[in-house]
């Protein structure tokens, strides 16, 4: 945020929203708009997050698996253990 990224988006509101919006990008489920609208911007996928905010991407990669598989909430699959 200090680098001027995320201007006019929820992610710029506070650290909690920064994290939450990054998590949505990580799982490729965030909304996308062509220019910042006070809520979102053009970043809405893990690939776009990596290019736009590598610091946030790197932090999230410590907590979440880098998989493109759909993870079911109905059955237990441990994606964190190798």
N, C-alpha and C. Protein backbone atom coordinates (compact mmCIF):
# COMPACT_ATOMS: atom_id res chain seq x y z
N UNK A 1 0.83 -1.18 0.00
CA UNK A 1 0.00 0.00 0.00
C UNK A 1 0.87 1.25 0.00
N UNK A 2 1.98 1.19 0.69
CA UNK A 2 2.87 2.35 0.74
C UNK A 2 3.45 2.69 -0.63
N UNK A 3 3.53 1.71 -1.51
CA UNK A 3 4.08 1.92 -2.85
C UNK A 3 3.04 2.52 -3.79
N UNK A 4 1.86 2.87 -3.27
CA UNK A 4 0.82 3.45 -4.10
C UNK A 4 -0.07 2.43 -4.77
N UNK A 5 0.13 1.17 -4.43
CA UNK A 5 -0.72 0.13 -5.01
C UNK A 5 -2.05 0.08 -4.27
N UNK A 6 -3.03 -0.47 -4.91
CA UNK A 6 -4.36 -0.69 -4.36
C UNK A 6 -5.13 0.61 -4.11
N UNK A 7 -4.71 1.71 -4.70
CA UNK A 7 -5.42 2.97 -4.52
C UNK A 7 -6.87 2.83 -4.97
N UNK A 8 -7.77 3.38 -4.19
CA UNK A 8 -9.21 3.38 -4.47
C UNK A 8 -9.79 1.96 -4.52
N UNK A 9 -9.32 1.09 -3.59
CA UNK A 9 -9.87 -0.26 -3.47
C UNK A 9 -10.05 -0.60 -2.00
N UNK A 10 -10.82 -1.67 -1.71
CA UNK A 10 -10.95 -2.15 -0.34
C UNK A 10 -9.60 -2.48 0.27
N UNK A 11 -8.69 -3.02 -0.53
CA UNK A 11 -7.39 -3.45 -0.02
C UNK A 11 -6.62 -2.30 0.63
N UNK A 12 -6.89 -1.09 0.22
CA UNK A 12 -6.19 0.07 0.79
C UNK A 12 -6.82 0.56 2.09
N UNK A 13 -7.93 -0.02 2.49
CA UNK A 13 -8.65 0.42 3.69
C UNK A 13 -7.85 0.18 4.97
N UNK A 14 -7.40 -1.06 5.16
CA UNK A 14 -6.64 -1.43 6.36
C UNK A 14 -5.96 -2.77 6.10
N UNK A 15 -5.18 -3.23 7.05
CA UNK A 15 -4.41 -4.46 6.86
C UNK A 15 -5.32 -5.68 6.71
N UNK A 16 -6.46 -5.67 7.40
CA UNK A 16 -7.39 -6.80 7.29
C UNK A 16 -7.98 -6.90 5.89
N UNK A 17 -8.37 -5.77 5.32
CA UNK A 17 -8.92 -5.78 3.96
C UNK A 17 -7.83 -6.09 2.93
N UNK A 18 -6.63 -5.61 3.17
CA UNK A 18 -5.49 -5.93 2.30
C UNK A 18 -5.31 -7.44 2.22
N UNK A 19 -5.30 -8.08 3.38
CA UNK A 19 -5.18 -9.54 3.45
C UNK A 19 -6.37 -10.22 2.77
N UNK A 20 -7.59 -9.79 3.11
CA UNK A 20 -8.80 -10.43 2.59
C UNK A 20 -8.88 -10.33 1.07
N UNK A 21 -8.57 -9.18 0.52
CA UNK A 21 -8.61 -9.03 -0.94
C UNK A 21 -7.52 -9.87 -1.59
N UNK A 22 -6.35 -9.94 -0.95
CA UNK A 22 -5.28 -10.79 -1.47
C UNK A 22 -5.67 -12.25 -1.48
N UNK A 23 -6.35 -12.70 -0.43
CA UNK A 23 -6.80 -14.10 -0.36
C UNK A 23 -7.78 -14.39 -1.50
N UNK A 24 -8.69 -13.48 -1.76
CA UNK A 24 -9.62 -13.69 -2.87
C UNK A 24 -8.88 -13.78 -4.20
N UNK A 25 -7.87 -12.94 -4.38
CA UNK A 25 -7.06 -13.02 -5.59
C UNK A 25 -6.33 -14.36 -5.66
N UNK A 26 -5.79 -14.81 -4.53
CA UNK A 26 -5.04 -16.06 -4.48
C UNK A 26 -5.88 -17.23 -5.00
N UNK A 27 -7.15 -17.25 -4.60
CA UNK A 27 -8.04 -18.34 -5.01
C UNK A 27 -8.84 -18.02 -6.27
N UNK A 28 -8.45 -16.95 -6.97
CA UNK A 28 -9.04 -16.60 -8.27
C UNK A 28 -10.54 -16.38 -8.19
N UNK A 29 -11.01 -15.76 -7.11
CA UNK A 29 -12.45 -15.56 -6.95
C UNK A 29 -12.83 -14.09 -6.72
N UNK A 30 -11.90 -13.18 -6.88
CA UNK A 30 -12.20 -11.77 -6.63
C UNK A 30 -12.91 -11.15 -7.83
N UNK A 31 -13.62 -10.06 -7.57
CA UNK A 31 -14.26 -9.31 -8.65
C UNK A 31 -13.20 -8.54 -9.43
N UNK A 32 -13.50 -8.22 -10.67
CA UNK A 32 -12.56 -7.46 -11.51
C UNK A 32 -13.30 -6.33 -12.21
N UNK A 33 -12.68 -5.17 -12.19
CA UNK A 33 -13.18 -4.02 -12.93
C UNK A 33 -12.00 -3.42 -13.69
N UNK A 34 -12.25 -2.72 -14.79
CA UNK A 34 -11.15 -2.20 -15.61
C UNK A 34 -10.30 -1.14 -14.92
N UNK A 35 -10.91 -0.38 -14.02
CA UNK A 35 -10.14 0.62 -13.26
C UNK A 35 -10.69 0.65 -11.84
N UNK A 36 -9.89 1.05 -10.86
CA UNK A 36 -10.34 1.06 -9.47
C UNK A 36 -11.66 1.82 -9.29
N UNK A 37 -12.57 1.21 -8.51
CA UNK A 37 -13.90 1.79 -8.33
C UNK A 37 -14.27 2.01 -6.86
N UNK A 38 -13.26 2.02 -5.99
CA UNK A 38 -13.54 2.15 -4.57
C UNK A 38 -13.62 0.81 -3.87
N UNK A 39 -13.80 -0.24 -4.65
CA UNK A 39 -13.88 -1.60 -4.11
C UNK A 39 -12.80 -2.49 -4.71
N UNK A 40 -12.77 -2.57 -6.02
CA UNK A 40 -11.88 -3.50 -6.71
C UNK A 40 -11.07 -2.79 -7.79
N UNK A 41 -10.17 -3.56 -8.40
CA UNK A 41 -9.41 -3.06 -9.55
C UNK A 41 -9.26 -4.20 -10.56
N UNK A 42 -8.24 -4.13 -11.40
CA UNK A 42 -8.07 -5.12 -12.45
C UNK A 42 -7.39 -6.41 -11.96
N UNK A 43 -6.96 -6.46 -10.71
CA UNK A 43 -6.28 -7.64 -10.17
C UNK A 43 -7.31 -8.57 -9.54
N UNK A 44 -7.46 -9.78 -10.06
CA UNK A 44 -8.41 -10.72 -9.47
C UNK A 44 -7.97 -12.18 -9.57
N UNK A 45 -6.72 -12.42 -9.91
CA UNK A 45 -6.21 -13.80 -9.97
C UNK A 45 -4.85 -13.88 -9.29
N UNK A 46 -4.44 -15.09 -8.98
CA UNK A 46 -3.12 -15.29 -8.36
C UNK A 46 -2.01 -14.80 -9.28
N UNK A 47 -2.14 -15.09 -10.56
CA UNK A 47 -1.12 -14.67 -11.53
C UNK A 47 -1.02 -13.14 -11.57
N UNK A 48 -2.16 -12.46 -11.59
CA UNK A 48 -2.16 -11.00 -11.61
C UNK A 48 -1.63 -10.43 -10.29
N UNK A 49 -1.97 -11.08 -9.18
CA UNK A 49 -1.46 -10.64 -7.88
C UNK A 49 0.06 -10.73 -7.84
N UNK A 50 0.60 -11.81 -8.35
CA UNK A 50 2.06 -12.00 -8.36
C UNK A 50 2.75 -10.87 -9.12
N UNK A 51 2.18 -10.47 -10.23
CA UNK A 51 2.76 -9.39 -11.04
C UNK A 51 2.55 -8.02 -10.39
N UNK A 52 1.42 -7.82 -9.72
CA UNK A 52 1.06 -6.51 -9.19
C UNK A 52 1.65 -6.23 -7.80
N UNK A 53 1.58 -7.23 -6.92
CA UNK A 53 2.03 -7.02 -5.54
C UNK A 53 2.77 -8.28 -5.06
N UNK A 54 4.02 -8.38 -5.46
CA UNK A 54 4.81 -9.58 -5.17
C UNK A 54 4.95 -9.81 -3.66
N UNK A 55 5.02 -8.75 -2.89
CA UNK A 55 5.14 -8.90 -1.44
C UNK A 55 3.94 -9.62 -0.84
N UNK A 56 2.75 -9.20 -1.21
CA UNK A 56 1.54 -9.85 -0.71
C UNK A 56 1.46 -11.28 -1.23
N UNK A 57 1.79 -11.47 -2.49
CA UNK A 57 1.82 -12.82 -3.07
C UNK A 57 2.73 -13.74 -2.26
N UNK A 58 3.93 -13.27 -1.96
CA UNK A 58 4.90 -14.09 -1.22
C UNK A 58 4.40 -14.43 0.18
N UNK A 59 3.76 -13.48 0.85
CA UNK A 59 3.21 -13.75 2.18
C UNK A 59 2.10 -14.79 2.09
N UNK A 60 1.19 -14.63 1.15
CA UNK A 60 0.09 -15.59 1.01
C UNK A 60 0.60 -16.98 0.67
N UNK A 61 1.69 -17.06 -0.09
CA UNK A 61 2.24 -18.37 -0.47
C UNK A 61 2.76 -19.14 0.74
N UNK A 62 3.01 -18.45 1.84
CA UNK A 62 3.43 -19.12 3.07
C UNK A 62 2.26 -19.81 3.77
N UNK A 63 1.04 -19.40 3.45
CA UNK A 63 -0.15 -19.90 4.14
C UNK A 63 -1.05 -20.78 3.28
N UNK A 64 -1.04 -20.57 1.98
CA UNK A 64 -1.98 -21.27 1.11
C UNK A 64 -1.26 -22.07 0.04
N UNK A 65 -1.87 -23.20 -0.38
CA UNK A 65 -1.26 -24.00 -1.44
C UNK A 65 -1.37 -23.30 -2.78
N UNK A 66 -0.36 -23.45 -3.60
CA UNK A 66 -0.37 -22.87 -4.95
C UNK A 66 -0.87 -23.93 -5.92
N UNK A 67 -2.16 -24.19 -5.85
CA UNK A 67 -2.77 -25.18 -6.71
C UNK A 67 -3.89 -24.54 -7.50
N UNK A 68 -4.13 -25.02 -8.68
CA UNK A 68 -5.24 -24.51 -9.48
C UNK A 68 -6.45 -25.44 -9.40
N UNK A 69 -6.31 -26.51 -8.63
CA UNK A 69 -7.43 -27.42 -8.44
C UNK A 69 -8.52 -26.74 -7.61
N UNK A 70 -9.74 -27.09 -7.90
CA UNK A 70 -10.84 -26.62 -7.06
C UNK A 70 -10.81 -27.44 -5.78
N UNK A 71 -10.76 -26.77 -4.65
CA UNK A 71 -10.71 -27.46 -3.37
C UNK A 71 -12.12 -27.54 -2.82
N UNK A 72 -12.60 -28.77 -2.62
CA UNK A 72 -13.95 -28.98 -2.14
C UNK A 72 -14.05 -28.71 -0.65
N UNK A 73 -15.12 -28.07 -0.25
CA UNK A 73 -15.34 -27.87 1.18
C UNK A 73 -16.14 -29.04 1.76
N UNK A 74 -16.46 -30.03 0.92
CA UNK A 74 -17.28 -31.15 1.35
C UNK A 74 -16.49 -32.40 1.67
N UNK A 75 -15.23 -32.44 1.32
CA UNK A 75 -14.41 -33.60 1.68
C UNK A 75 -13.03 -33.11 2.11
N UNK A 76 -12.39 -33.88 2.97
CA UNK A 76 -11.10 -33.49 3.50
C UNK A 76 -9.99 -33.85 2.53
N UNK A 77 -9.26 -32.86 2.10
CA UNK A 77 -8.07 -33.05 1.27
C UNK A 77 -7.00 -32.15 1.86
N UNK A 78 -5.90 -32.74 2.29
CA UNK A 78 -4.82 -31.94 2.87
C UNK A 78 -3.89 -31.47 1.76
N UNK A 79 -4.04 -30.22 1.33
CA UNK A 79 -3.20 -29.65 0.27
C UNK A 79 -1.95 -29.01 0.85
N UNK A 80 -1.83 -29.00 2.17
CA UNK A 80 -0.70 -28.34 2.81
C UNK A 80 0.47 -29.28 3.05
N UNK A 81 0.20 -30.56 3.15
CA UNK A 81 1.24 -31.54 3.43
C UNK A 81 1.73 -32.15 2.12
N UNK A 82 3.02 -32.24 1.98
CA UNK A 82 3.59 -32.79 0.74
C UNK A 82 3.70 -34.29 0.83
